[in-house]
Each structure stands twice: as structure tokens, then as C-alpha cells.
PDB file of N, CA and C in Angstrom:
ATOM      1  N   MET A   1      23.704 -11.620  35.730  1.00  0.00           N
ATOM      2  CA  MET A   1      22.593 -10.614  35.328  1.00  0.00           C
ATOM      3  C   MET A   1      21.672 -10.702  35.913  1.00  0.00           C
ATOM      4  N   ASP A   2      21.068  -9.464  36.009  1.00  0.00           N
ATOM      5  CA  ASP A   2      19.791  -9.352  36.920  1.00  0.00           C
ATOM      6  C   ASP A   2      18.828 -10.121  36.066  1.00  0.00           C
ATOM      7  N   LYS A   3      17.186 -10.313  36.568  1.00  0.00           N
ATOM      8  CA  LYS A   3      16.395 -11.515  36.408  1.00  0.00           C
ATOM      9  C   LYS A   3      15.720 -10.236  34.986  1.00  0.00           C
ATOM     10  N   SER A   4      15.657  -8.430  35.741  1.00  0.00           N
ATOM     11  CA  SER A   4      14.504  -7.970  35.257  1.00  0.00           C
ATOM     12  C   SER A   4      15.093  -7.541  33.704  1.00  0.00           C
ATOM     13  N   ILE A   5      16.152  -7.216  33.393  1.00  0.00           N
ATOM     14  CA  ILE A   5      17.159  -6.909  32.328  1.00  0.00           C
ATOM     15  C   ILE A   5      17.525  -7.968  31.096  1.00  0.00           C
ATOM     16  N   LYS A   6      16.503  -9.166  31.197  1.00  0.00           N
ATOM     17  CA  LYS A   6      17.570 -10.319  30.178  1.00  0.00           C
ATOM     18  C   LYS A   6      15.998 -10.165  29.196  1.00  0.00           C
ATOM     19  N   PRO A   7      14.670  -9.891  30.045  1.00  0.00           N
ATOM     20  CA  PRO A   7      14.301 -10.348  28.536  1.00  0.00           C
ATOM     21  C   PRO A   7      14.359  -8.963  27.689  1.00  0.00           C
ATOM     22  N   PHE A   8      15.050  -7.622  27.996  1.00  0.00           N
ATOM     23  CA  PHE A   8      15.395  -6.714  27.209  1.00  0.00           C
ATOM     24  C   PHE A   8      16.710  -6.747  26.257  1.00  0.00           C
ATOM     25  N   ALA A   9      17.701  -7.570  26.815  1.00  0.00           N
ATOM     26  CA  ALA A   9      18.652  -8.702  26.504  1.00  0.00           C
ATOM     27  C   ALA A   9      18.563  -8.405  25.760  1.00  0.00           C
ATOM     28  N   THR A  10      17.832 -10.519  25.798  1.00  0.00           N
ATOM     29  CA  THR A  10      16.752 -10.824  24.680  1.00  0.00           C
ATOM     30  C   THR A  10      16.957 -10.358  23.109  1.00  0.00           C
ATOM     31  N   PHE A  11      15.576  -9.170  23.697  1.00  0.00           N
ATOM     32  CA  PHE A  11      14.438  -8.916  22.689  1.00  0.00           C
ATOM     33  C   PHE A  11      16.227  -7.942  21.470  1.00  0.00           C
ATOM     34  N   GLY A  12      16.837  -7.550  21.880  1.00  0.00           N
ATOM     35  CA  GLY A  12      17.829  -6.529  21.586  1.00  0.00           C
ATOM     36  C   GLY A  12      18.846  -7.593  20.229  1.00  0.00           C
ATOM     37  N   ILE A  13      19.126  -9.251  21.463  1.00  0.00           N
ATOM     38  CA  ILE A  13      19.807  -9.409  20.404  1.00  0.00           C
ATOM     39  C   ILE A  13      19.053 -10.193  19.074  1.00  0.00           C
ATOM     40  N   ILE A  14      17.832 -10.315  19.513  1.00  0.00           N
ATOM     41  CA  ILE A  14      16.948 -12.003  18.549  1.00  0.00           C
ATOM     42  C   ILE A  14      16.308  -9.994  17.634  1.00  0.00           C
ATOM     43  N   TYR A  15      16.450  -9.137  18.110  1.00  0.00           N
ATOM     44  CA  TYR A  15      15.464  -8.281  16.757  1.00  0.00           C
ATOM     45  C   TYR A  15      17.572  -7.076  16.600  1.00  0.00           C
ATOM     46  N   CYS A  16      18.821  -7.303  16.510  1.00  0.00           N
ATOM     47  CA  CYS A  16      19.427  -7.136  15.622  1.00  0.00           C
ATOM     48  C   CYS A  16      19.936  -8.147  14.765  1.00  0.00           C
ATOM     49  N   VAL A  17      20.301  -9.271  15.040  1.00  0.00           N
ATOM     50  CA  VAL A  17      20.069 -10.962  14.250  1.00  0.00           C
ATOM     51  C   VAL A  17      19.052 -10.499  13.247  1.00  0.00           C
ATOM     52  N   CYS A  18      17.597 -10.293  14.119  1.00  0.00           N
ATOM     53  CA  CYS A  18      17.231 -10.488  12.468  1.00  0.00           C
ATOM     54  C   CYS A  18      16.777  -9.072  11.574  1.00  0.00           C
ATOM     55  N   PHE A  19      17.323  -7.216  12.687  1.00  0.00           N
ATOM     56  CA  PHE A  19      18.014  -6.621  11.386  1.00  0.00           C
ATOM     57  C   PHE A  19      18.200  -7.105  10.421  1.00  0.00           C
ATOM     58  N   ILE A  20      19.692  -7.853  10.795  1.00  0.00           N
ATOM     59  CA  ILE A  20      20.854  -8.187   9.861  1.00  0.00           C
ATOM     60  C   ILE A  20      19.999  -9.017   8.707  1.00  0.00           C
ATOM     61  N   PHE A  21      18.865  -9.983   8.892  1.00  0.00           N
ATOM     62  CA  PHE A  21      18.758 -10.759   8.069  1.00  0.00           C
ATOM     63  C   PHE A  21      18.095 -10.094   6.999  1.00  0.00           C
ATOM     64  N   PHE A  22      16.791  -9.050   7.329  1.00  0.00           N
ATOM     65  CA  PHE A  22      16.202  -7.970   6.747  1.00  0.00           C
ATOM     66  C   PHE A  22      17.175  -6.657   6.240  1.00  0.00           C
ATOM     67  N   SER A  23      18.048  -6.695   6.151  1.00  0.00           N
ATOM     68  CA  SER A  23      19.082  -6.304   5.491  1.00  0.00           C
ATOM     69  C   SER A  23      19.615  -6.999   4.512  1.00  0.00           C
ATOM     70  N   PHE A  24      19.654  -7.887   4.393  1.00  0.00           N
ATOM     71  CA  PHE A  24      20.128  -8.985   3.004  1.00  0.00           C
ATOM     72  C   PHE A  24      19.258  -8.908   2.514  1.00  0.00           C
ATOM     73  N   LEU A  25      17.635  -9.656   2.600  1.00  0.00           N
ATOM     74  CA  LEU A  25      16.724  -9.106   2.342  1.00  0.00           C
ATOM     75  C   LEU A  25      16.119  -7.992   1.110  1.00  0.00           C
ATOM     76  N   LEU A  26      17.339  -6.571   1.365  1.00  0.00           N
ATOM     77  CA  LEU A  26      17.179  -5.450   1.621  1.00  0.00           C
ATOM     78  C   LEU A  26      17.830  -5.929   0.130  1.00  0.00           C
ATOM     79  N   TYR A  27      19.257  -6.122   0.374  1.00  0.00           N
ATOM     80  CA  TYR A  27      20.137  -6.108  -0.765  1.00  0.00           C
ATOM     81  C   TYR A  27      19.370  -6.535  -1.811  1.00  0.00           C
ATOM     82  N   LEU A  28      19.488  -7.698  -1.169  1.00  0.00           N
ATOM     83  CA  LEU A  28      18.638  -9.353  -2.350  1.00  0.00           C
ATOM     84  C   LEU A  28      17.697  -8.705  -3.499  1.00  0.00           C
ATOM     85  N   GLY A  29      16.202  -7.190  -2.539  1.00  0.00           N
ATOM     86  CA  GLY A  29      15.515  -6.790  -2.922  1.00  0.00           C
ATOM     87  C   GLY A  29      15.311  -6.095  -3.843  1.00  0.00           C
ATOM     88  N   ILE A  30      16.491  -4.452  -4.106  1.00  0.00           N
ATOM     89  CA  ILE A  30      17.173  -4.221  -4.573  1.00  0.00           C
ATOM     90  C   ILE A  30      17.552  -5.052  -5.663  1.00  0.00           C
ATOM     91  N   LYS A  31      18.302  -5.722  -5.610  1.00  0.00           N
ATOM     92  CA  LYS A  31      19.179  -6.560  -7.119  1.00  0.00           C
ATOM     93  C   LYS A  31      18.566  -6.453  -7.681  1.00  0.00           C
ATOM     94  N   LYS A  32      16.774  -7.405  -7.809  1.00  0.00           N
ATOM     95  CA  LYS A  32      16.189  -8.175  -7.948  1.00  0.00           C
ATOM     96  C   LYS A  32      15.266  -7.244  -8.456  1.00  0.00           C
ATOM     97  N   GLU A  33      14.379  -5.738  -7.860  1.00  0.00           N
ATOM     98  CA  GLU A  33      14.038  -5.400  -7.727  1.00  0.00           C
ATOM     99  C   GLU A  33      12.859  -6.085  -7.409  1.00  0.00           C
ATOM    100  N   ILE A  34      12.580  -6.571  -6.021  1.00  0.00           N
ATOM    101  CA  ILE A  34      10.967  -7.061  -5.795  1.00  0.00           C
ATOM    102  C   ILE A  34      11.066  -6.025  -4.251  1.00  0.00           C
ATOM    103  N   ARG A  35      10.023  -5.453  -4.734  1.00  0.00           N
ATOM    104  CA  ARG A  35       9.722  -4.195  -3.653  1.00  0.00           C
ATOM    105  C   ARG A  35       8.978  -4.869  -2.942  1.00  0.00           C
ATOM    106  N   PHE A  36       8.561  -6.345  -2.187  1.00  0.00           N
ATOM    107  CA  PHE A  36       7.677  -6.716  -1.066  1.00  0.00           C
ATOM    108  C   PHE A  36       9.321  -7.267   0.049  1.00  0.00           C
ATOM    109  N   LEU A  37      10.638  -7.494  -0.590  1.00  0.00           N
ATOM    110  CA  LEU A  37      11.004  -7.518   0.195  1.00  0.00           C
ATOM    111  C   LEU A  37      11.751  -5.925   0.545  1.00  0.00           C
ATOM    112  N   TYR A  38      11.134  -5.402   0.556  1.00  0.00           N
ATOM    113  CA  TYR A  38      11.928  -3.566   1.123  1.00  0.00           C
ATOM    114  C   TYR A  38      11.154  -3.292   2.535  1.00  0.00           C
ATOM    115  N   LEU A  39       9.801  -4.531   1.923  1.00  0.00           N
ATOM    116  CA  LEU A  39       8.641  -4.365   3.614  1.00  0.00           C
ATOM    117  C   LEU A  39       9.410  -4.345   4.904  1.00  0.00           C
ATOM    118  N   PHE A  40      10.452  -5.804   5.258  1.00  0.00           N
ATOM    119  CA  PHE A  40      10.214  -5.587   6.543  1.00  0.00           C
ATOM    120  C   PHE A  40      11.292  -5.200   6.786  1.00  0.00           C
ATOM    121  N   TRP A  41      12.958  -4.632   6.368  1.00  0.00           N
ATOM    122  CA  TRP A  41      13.442  -3.985   6.106  1.00  0.00           C
ATOM    123  C   TRP A  41      13.278  -2.380   6.664  1.00  0.00           C
ATOM    124  N   ILE A  42      11.914  -1.913   6.289  1.00  0.00           N
ATOM    125  CA  ILE A  42      11.536  -0.463   6.845  1.00  0.00           C
ATOM    126  C   ILE A  42      10.531  -1.045   7.666  1.00  0.00           C
ATOM    127  N   ILE A  43      10.416  -1.436   7.678  1.00  0.00           N
ATOM    128  CA  ILE A  43       9.353  -2.061   9.481  1.00  0.00           C
ATOM    129  C   ILE A  43      10.165  -1.359  10.700  1.00  0.00           C
ATOM    130  N   CYS A  44      11.178  -2.981  10.645  1.00  0.00           N
ATOM    131  CA  CYS A  44      12.747  -2.202  11.302  1.00  0.00           C
ATOM    132  C   CYS A  44      13.501  -1.331  11.589  1.00  0.00           C
ATOM    133  N   THR A  45      12.681  -0.483  10.109  1.00  0.00           N
ATOM    134  CA  THR A  45      14.148   0.048  10.183  1.00  0.00           C
ATOM    135  C   THR A  45      13.033   1.587  11.149  1.00  0.00           C
ATOM    136  N   LEU A  46      11.962   1.936  11.212  1.00  0.00           N
ATOM    137  CA  LEU A  46      10.733   3.195  11.987  1.00  0.00           C
ATOM    138  C   LEU A  46      10.517   1.950  13.127  1.00  0.00           C
ATOM    139  N   VAL A  47      10.603   1.127  13.359  1.00  0.00           N
ATOM    140  CA  VAL A  47      11.223   0.952  15.012  1.00  0.00           C
ATOM    141  C   VAL A  47      12.580   1.227  15.854  1.00  0.00           C
ATOM    142  N   GLU A  48      13.299   0.878  14.885  1.00  0.00           N
ATOM    143  CA  GLU A  48      14.713   1.742  15.813  1.00  0.00           C
ATOM    144  C   GLU A  48      14.507   3.277  15.698  1.00  0.00           C
ATOM    145  N   LEU A  49      14.798   3.497  14.156  1.00  0.00           N
ATOM    146  CA  LEU A  49      14.091   5.929  14.560  1.00  0.00           C
ATOM    147  C   LEU A  49      12.961   5.813  15.059  1.00  0.00           C
ATOM    148  N   LEU A  50      12.382   4.751  15.768  1.00  0.00           N
ATOM    149  CA  LEU A  50      11.048   5.938  16.925  1.00  0.00           C
ATOM    150  C   LEU A  50      12.341   5.462  18.285  1.00  0.00           C
ATOM    151  N   GLY A  51      12.635   4.433  18.320  1.00  0.00           N
ATOM    152  CA  GLY A  51      13.315   4.420  19.616  1.00  0.00           C
ATOM    153  C   GLY A  51      14.366   5.540  19.924  1.00  0.00           C
ATOM    154  N   VAL A  52      14.990   4.892  18.697  1.00  0.00           N
ATOM    155  CA  VAL A  52      16.075   6.451  18.526  1.00  0.00           C
ATOM    156  C   VAL A  52      15.791   8.467  19.098  1.00  0.00           C
ATOM    157  N   PHE A  53      14.668   8.550  18.471  1.00  0.00           N
ATOM    158  CA  PHE A  53      14.180  10.093  18.470  1.00  0.00           C
ATOM    159  C   PHE A  53      12.972  10.141  20.143  1.00  0.00           C
ATOM    160  N   PHE A  54      12.928   8.767  21.013  1.00  0.00           N
ATOM    161  CA  PHE A  54      12.147   8.794  21.992  1.00  0.00           C
ATOM    162  C   PHE A  54      13.119   8.272  23.313  1.00  0.00           C
ATOM    163  N   THR A  55      13.704   7.247  22.956  1.00  0.00           N
ATOM    164  CA  THR A  55      15.419   8.048  23.889  1.00  0.00           C
ATOM    165  C   THR A  55      15.950   8.839  23.895  1.00  0.00           C
ATOM    166  N   GLY A  56      16.291  10.140  22.529  1.00  0.00           N
ATOM    167  CA  GLY A  56      16.480  11.161  22.749  1.00  0.00           C
ATOM    168  C   GLY A  56      14.984  12.490  23.244  1.00  0.00           C
ATOM    169  N   LEU A  57      14.288  12.472  22.894  1.00  0.00           N
ATOM    170  CA  LEU A  57      13.287  12.765  23.993  1.00  0.00           C
ATOM    171  C   LEU A  57      13.350  12.680  26.010  1.00  0.00           C
ATOM    172  N   PHE A  58      13.553  11.448  25.721  1.00  0.00           N
ATOM    173  CA  PHE A  58      13.692  10.912  27.294  1.00  0.00           C
ATOM    174  C   PHE A  58      14.773  11.308  27.763  1.00  0.00           C
ATOM    175  N   LEU A  59      16.191  11.364  27.148  1.00  0.00           N
ATOM    176  CA  LEU A  59      17.706  12.768  28.098  1.00  0.00           C
ATOM    177  C   LEU A  59      16.772  13.133  28.133  1.00  0.00           C
ATOM    178  N   ILE A  60      16.459  14.198  27.265  1.00  0.00           N
ATOM    179  CA  ILE A  60      16.392  16.172  27.278  1.00  0.00           C
ATOM    180  C   ILE A  60      14.782  16.190  28.592  1.00  0.00           C
ATOM    181  N   TYR A  61      14.289  15.449  28.752  1.00  0.00           N
ATOM    182  CA  TYR A  61      12.901  15.760  29.788  1.00  0.00           C
ATOM    183  C   TYR A  61      13.768  15.410  31.270  1.00  0.00           C
ATOM    184  N   ARG A  62      14.152  14.053  30.818  1.00  0.00           N
ATOM    185  CA  ARG A  62      15.213  13.450  32.908  1.00  0.00           C
ATOM    186  C   ARG A  62      15.855  14.476  33.353  1.00  0.00           C
ATOM    187  N   TYR A  63      16.394  14.163  32.240  1.00  0.00           N
ATOM    188  CA  TYR A  63      17.640  14.321  32.657  1.00  0.00           C
ATOM    189  C   TYR A  63      18.564  16.177  32.072  1.00  0.00           C
ATOM    190  N   ARG A  64      17.493  17.423  31.616  1.00  0.00           N
ATOM    191  CA  ARG A  64      17.006  18.483  31.003  1.00  0.00           C
ATOM    192  C   ARG A  64      18.928  18.733  31.556  1.00  0.00           C
ATOM    193  N   TYR A  65      19.136  18.847  32.696  1.00  0.00           N
ATOM    194  CA  TYR A  65      20.266  20.322  33.358  1.00  0.00           C
ATOM    195  C   TYR A  65      21.801  19.839  33.301  1.00  0.00           C
ATOM    196  N   PHE A  66      21.895  19.052  33.182  1.00  0.00           N
ATOM    197  CA  PHE A  66      22.970  18.160  32.903  1.00  0.00           C
ATOM    198  C   PHE A  66      23.441  18.214  31.126  1.00  0.00           C
ATOM    199  N   SER A  67      25.281  19.029  31.513  1.00  0.00           N
ATOM    200  CA  SER A  67      25.214  19.166  29.825  1.00  0.00           C
ATOM    201  C   SER A  67      25.843  17.973  29.079  1.00  0.00           C
ATOM    202  N   TYR A  68      25.752  16.972  29.419  1.00  0.00           N
ATOM    203  CA  TYR A  68      25.916  15.289  28.531  1.00  0.00           C
ATOM    204  C   TYR A  68      25.013  15.202  28.102  1.00  0.00           C
ATOM    205  N   ALA A  69      23.741  15.252  28.796  1.00  0.00           N
ATOM    206  CA  ALA A  69      22.680  14.668  28.412  1.00  0.00           C
ATOM    207  C   ALA A  69      22.354  15.674  26.708  1.00  0.00           C
ATOM    208  N   ILE A  70      22.417  16.331  26.648  1.00  0.00           N
ATOM    209  CA  ILE A  70      21.935  17.617  26.164  1.00  0.00           C
ATOM    210  C   ILE A  70      23.407  17.219  24.478  1.00  0.00           C
ATOM    211  N   TYR A  71      24.469  16.761  24.754  1.00  0.00           N
ATOM    212  CA  TYR A  71      25.102  16.291  23.807  1.00  0.00           C
ATOM    213  C   TYR A  71      24.204  14.613  23.728  1.00  0.00           C
ATOM    214  N   SER A  72      24.036  14.123  25.109  1.00  0.00           N
ATOM    215  CA  SER A  72      23.561  12.956  23.649  1.00  0.00           C
ATOM    216  C   SER A  72      21.994  12.921  23.194  1.00  0.00           C
ATOM    217  N   PHE A  73      21.510  13.858  24.152  1.00  0.00           N
ATOM    218  CA  PHE A  73      20.151  14.252  22.972  1.00  0.00           C
ATOM    219  C   PHE A  73      20.720  14.840  20.712  1.00  0.00           C
ATOM    220  N   PHE A  74      21.409  15.763  21.575  1.00  0.00           N
ATOM    221  CA  PHE A  74      21.864  16.202  19.947  1.00  0.00           C
ATOM    222  C   PHE A  74      22.898  15.005  18.590  1.00  0.00           C
ATOM    223  N   THR A  75      23.634  14.198  19.818  1.00  0.00           N
ATOM    224  CA  THR A  75      23.924  12.839  18.689  1.00  0.00           C
ATOM    225  C   THR A  75      23.148  12.342  18.416  1.00  0.00           C
ATOM    226  N   LEU A  76      21.835  11.476  19.652  1.00  0.00           N
ATOM    227  CA  LEU A  76      21.510  10.623  18.801  1.00  0.00           C
ATOM    228  C   LEU A  76      20.520  11.945  17.667  1.00  0.00           C
ATOM    229  N   TRP A  77      19.709  12.874  17.774  1.00  0.00           N
ATOM    230  CA  TRP A  77      18.865  13.576  17.151  1.00  0.00           C
ATOM    231  C   TRP A  77      19.580  13.224  15.349  1.00  0.00           C
ATOM    232  N   ILE A  78      21.060  13.994  15.804  1.00  0.00           N
ATOM    233  CA  ILE A  78      22.048  13.873  14.259  1.00  0.00           C
ATOM    234  C   ILE A  78      21.721  11.984  13.229  1.00  0.00           C
ATOM    235  N   TYR A  79      22.454  11.512  15.188  1.00  0.00           N
ATOM    236  CA  TYR A  79      21.968  10.098  13.948  1.00  0.00           C
ATOM    237  C   TYR A  79      20.904   9.559  13.859  1.00  0.00           C
ATOM    238  N   GLY A  80      19.610   9.787  14.306  1.00  0.00           N
ATOM    239  CA  GLY A  80      18.178   9.641  13.645  1.00  0.00           C
ATOM    240  C   GLY A  80      17.830  10.761  12.550  1.00  0.00           C
ATOM    241  N   GLY A  81      18.700  11.674  11.977  1.00  0.00           N
ATOM    242  CA  GLY A  81      18.448  12.483  10.781  1.00  0.00           C
ATOM    243  C   GLY A  81      18.850  11.396   9.925  1.00  0.00           C
ATOM    244  N   TYR A  82      19.927  11.162  10.474  1.00  0.00           N
ATOM    245  CA  TYR A  82      20.452  10.839   9.033  1.00  0.00           C
ATOM    246  C   TYR A  82      19.926   8.854   8.256  1.00  0.00           C
ATOM    247  N   HIS A  83      19.704   8.539   9.505  1.00  0.00           N
ATOM    248  CA  HIS A  83      19.058   7.009   9.382  1.00  0.00           C
ATOM    249  C   HIS A  83      18.320   7.666   8.917  1.00  0.00           C
ATOM    250  N   PHE A  84      17.016   9.112   8.990  1.00  0.00           N
ATOM    251  CA  PHE A  84      15.467   8.849   8.792  1.00  0.00           C
ATOM    252  C   PHE A  84      15.748   9.158   7.340  1.00  0.00           C
ATOM    253  N   TYR A  85      17.085  10.236   6.737  1.00  0.00           N
ATOM    254  CA  TYR A  85      16.411   9.820   4.856  1.00  0.00           C
ATOM    255  C   TYR A  85      17.479   8.983   4.206  1.00  0.00           C
ATOM    256  N   LEU A  86      17.986   8.400   4.844  1.00  0.00           N
ATOM    257  CA  LEU A  86      18.350   6.468   3.626  1.00  0.00           C
ATOM    258  C   LEU A  86      16.967   5.957   4.355  1.00  0.00           C
ATOM    259  N   TRP A  87      16.329   5.893   5.659  1.00  0.00           N
ATOM    260  CA  TRP A  87      14.975   5.414   5.116  1.00  0.00           C
ATOM    261  C   TRP A  87      14.099   5.673   4.258  1.00  0.00           C
ATOM    262  N   TRP A  88      14.265   7.403   4.780  1.00  0.00           N
ATOM    263  CA  TRP A  88      13.448   8.035   3.005  1.00  0.00           C
ATOM    264  C   TRP A  88      13.923   7.539   1.841  1.00  0.00           C
ATOM    265  N   VAL A  89      14.450   7.960   1.452  1.00  0.00           N
ATOM    266  CA  VAL A  89      15.613   6.530   0.049  1.00  0.00           C
ATOM    267  C   VAL A  89      14.981   5.587   0.185  1.00  0.00           C
ATOM    268  N   ILE A  90      14.787   4.691   1.456  1.00  0.00           N
ATOM    269  CA  ILE A  90      14.481   3.478   0.481  1.00  0.00           C
ATOM    270  C   ILE A  90      12.796   3.497   0.294  1.00  0.00           C
ATOM    271  N   ILE A  91      12.015   4.011   1.036  1.00  0.00           N
ATOM    272  CA  ILE A  91      10.534   4.613   1.161  1.00  0.00           C
ATOM    273  C   ILE A  91      10.742   4.655  -0.570  1.00  0.00           C
ATOM    274  N   SER A  92      11.247   5.661  -1.405  1.00  0.00           N
ATOM    275  CA  SER A  92      11.149   6.319  -2.534  1.00  0.00           C
ATOM    276  C   SER A  92      11.412   5.365  -4.045  1.00  0.00           C
ATOM    277  N   GLN A  93      11.881   4.806  -3.176  1.00  0.00           N
ATOM    278  CA  GLN A  93      12.938   3.776  -4.201  1.00  0.00           C
ATOM    279  C   GLN A  93      11.748   2.747  -3.646  1.00  0.00           C
ATOM    280  N   TYR A  94       9.892   1.850  -3.196  1.00  0.00           N
ATOM    281  CA  TYR A  94       9.276   1.568  -2.966  1.00  0.00           C
ATOM    282  C   TYR A  94       8.576   1.429  -4.044  1.00  0.00           C
ATOM    283  N   TYR A  95       8.467   2.615  -2.779  1.00  0.00           N
ATOM    284  CA  TYR A  95       7.128   4.006  -4.173  1.00  0.00           C
ATOM    285  C   TYR A  95       7.118   3.503  -5.340  1.00  0.00           C
ATOM    286  N   TYR A  96       8.459   3.794  -6.060  1.00  0.00           N
ATOM    287  CA  TYR A  96       9.276   3.677  -7.973  1.00  0.00           C
ATOM    288  C   TYR A  96       9.193   2.738  -8.618  1.00  0.00           C
ATOM    289  N   LEU A  97       9.393   1.909  -7.447  1.00  0.00           N
ATOM    290  CA  LEU A  97       8.947  -0.058  -7.600  1.00  0.00           C
ATOM    291  C   LEU A  97       7.486   0.240  -7.706  1.00  0.00           C
ATOM    292  N   LYS A  98       6.894   0.846  -7.242  1.00  0.00           N
ATOM    293  CA  LYS A  98       5.530   0.633  -7.267  1.00  0.00           C
ATOM    294  C   LYS A  98       4.533   1.499  -8.296  1.00  0.00           C
ATOM    295  N   VAL A  99       4.984   2.305  -8.401  1.00  0.00           N
ATOM    296  CA  VAL A  99       4.752   2.598 -10.284  1.00  0.00           C
ATOM    297  C   VAL A  99       4.590   1.937 -11.007  1.00  0.00           C
ATOM    298  N   PHE A 100       5.915   1.723 -11.243  1.00  0.00           N
ATOM    299  CA  PHE A 100       7.073   1.078 -12.018  1.00  0.00           C
ATOM    300  C   PHE A 100       5.930  -0.498 -12.832  1.00  0.00           C
ATOM    301  N   GLN A 101       6.057  -0.909 -11.531  1.00  0.00           N
ATOM    302  CA  GLN A 101       5.137  -2.308 -11.488  1.00  0.00           C
ATOM    303  C   GLN A 101       4.436  -2.435 -12.286  1.00  0.00           C
ATOM    304  N   GLU A 102       3.452  -1.112 -11.780  1.00  0.00           N
ATOM    305  CA  GLU A 102       1.461  -1.663 -11.412  1.00  0.00           C
ATOM    306  C   GLU A 102       1.564  -2.264 -12.860  1.00  0.00           C
ATOM    307  N   PRO A 103       0.640  -2.642 -13.269  1.00  0.00           N
ATOM    308  CA  PRO A 103       0.337  -3.574 -15.005  1.00  0.00           C
ATOM    309  C   PRO A 103      -0.295  -2.260 -15.208  1.00  0.00           C
ATOM    310  N   THR A 104      -0.658  -1.896 -17.063  1.00  0.00           N
ATOM    311  CA  THR A 104      -1.428  -0.870 -17.939  1.00  0.00           C
ATOM    312  C   THR A 104      -2.276  -2.183 -18.596  1.00  0.00           C
ATOM    313  N   PHE A 105      -3.624  -1.516 -18.067  1.00  0.00           N
ATOM    314  CA  PHE A 105      -4.218  -2.356 -19.373  1.00  0.00           C
ATOM    315  C   PHE A 105      -4.368  -1.338 -20.714  1.00  0.00           C
ATOM    316  N   LEU A 106      -4.372  -2.022 -21.785  1.00  0.00           N
ATOM    317  CA  LEU A 106      -4.364  -1.437 -22.725  1.00  0.00           C
ATOM    318  C   LEU A 106      -6.024  -1.182 -23.102  1.00  0.00           C
ATOM    319  N   VAL A 107      -6.295  -1.132 -23.639  1.00  0.00           N
ATOM    320  CA  VAL A 107      -7.899  -1.327 -24.249  1.00  0.00           C
ATOM    321  C   VAL A 107      -7.407  -1.631 -25.960  1.00  0.00           C
ATOM    322  N   LEU A 108      -7.905  -2.513 -26.556  1.00  0.00           N
ATOM    323  CA  LEU A 108      -7.500  -2.882 -27.916  1.00  0.00           C
ATOM    324  C   LEU A 108      -8.572  -2.325 -28.671  1.00  0.00           C
ATOM    325  N   TYR A 109      -9.717  -2.248 -28.539  1.00  0.00           N
ATOM    326  CA  TYR A 109     -11.193  -1.960 -28.912  1.00  0.00           C
ATOM    327  C   TYR A 109     -12.052  -1.309 -28.366  1.00  0.00           C
ATOM    328  N   THR A 110     -12.744   0.008 -28.798  1.00  0.00           N
ATOM    329  CA  THR A 110     -13.862   0.515 -28.447  1.00  0.00           C
ATOM    330  C   THR A 110     -15.058   1.196 -29.096  1.00  0.00           C
TER     331      THR A 110
END
């Protein structure tokens, strides 16, 4: 393997292992309603979404005359759009739990 690709391959493997671990934390956070456990998955997925969208933009910029590049662009952006929708569902659940778990102060004597 070429020396220039080893850091990227190592990053990819570490990222995938971390993403699997963060998905498990998300599962636990949903089951036990702990919103702190959502954050790792949200940040990791945001990095993935940015990578997908910028890869699609790069394909259009670099290979705009090839029909396969246009097909790859649309495939990546359809995947990214669906993944963005799922990410937004988790964000809305996070904010729902934030509002639901905020302490309410009652004034007993006025």
C-alpha cells in the first residue's frame, strides 16, 4: 500500500469503529432518555454528512462532463438528503428531551 494512503485508511477505520460505538451510545440514550448520549452520534453524523455533500460538489466541479459523475453526484446527494432527514429526527428528539427534562421552578410563596 502506498504511504500517502495509510493515514486516510487509518482514519477511515477508526471513524467506522467510533461510529459503531456512538450508534450504540445513541441506542442507549434513546432507551434511557439520556440526551447527553445523543451528542456523539450527532457530531459524528454531521462530519459524515459534510463529507458526502462536499464529495458530491467535488464530483460536479471536477468531472462535470462525464455522465457517470452526474449519476454519482445525484446518488450521493439522495443518500445525503435521506441521511440528513434521519439526522434531523435525532436532533428534534434531542431538543424534545431538552425541553422535557428542564427543571421547572414553582414559586410557593409570593
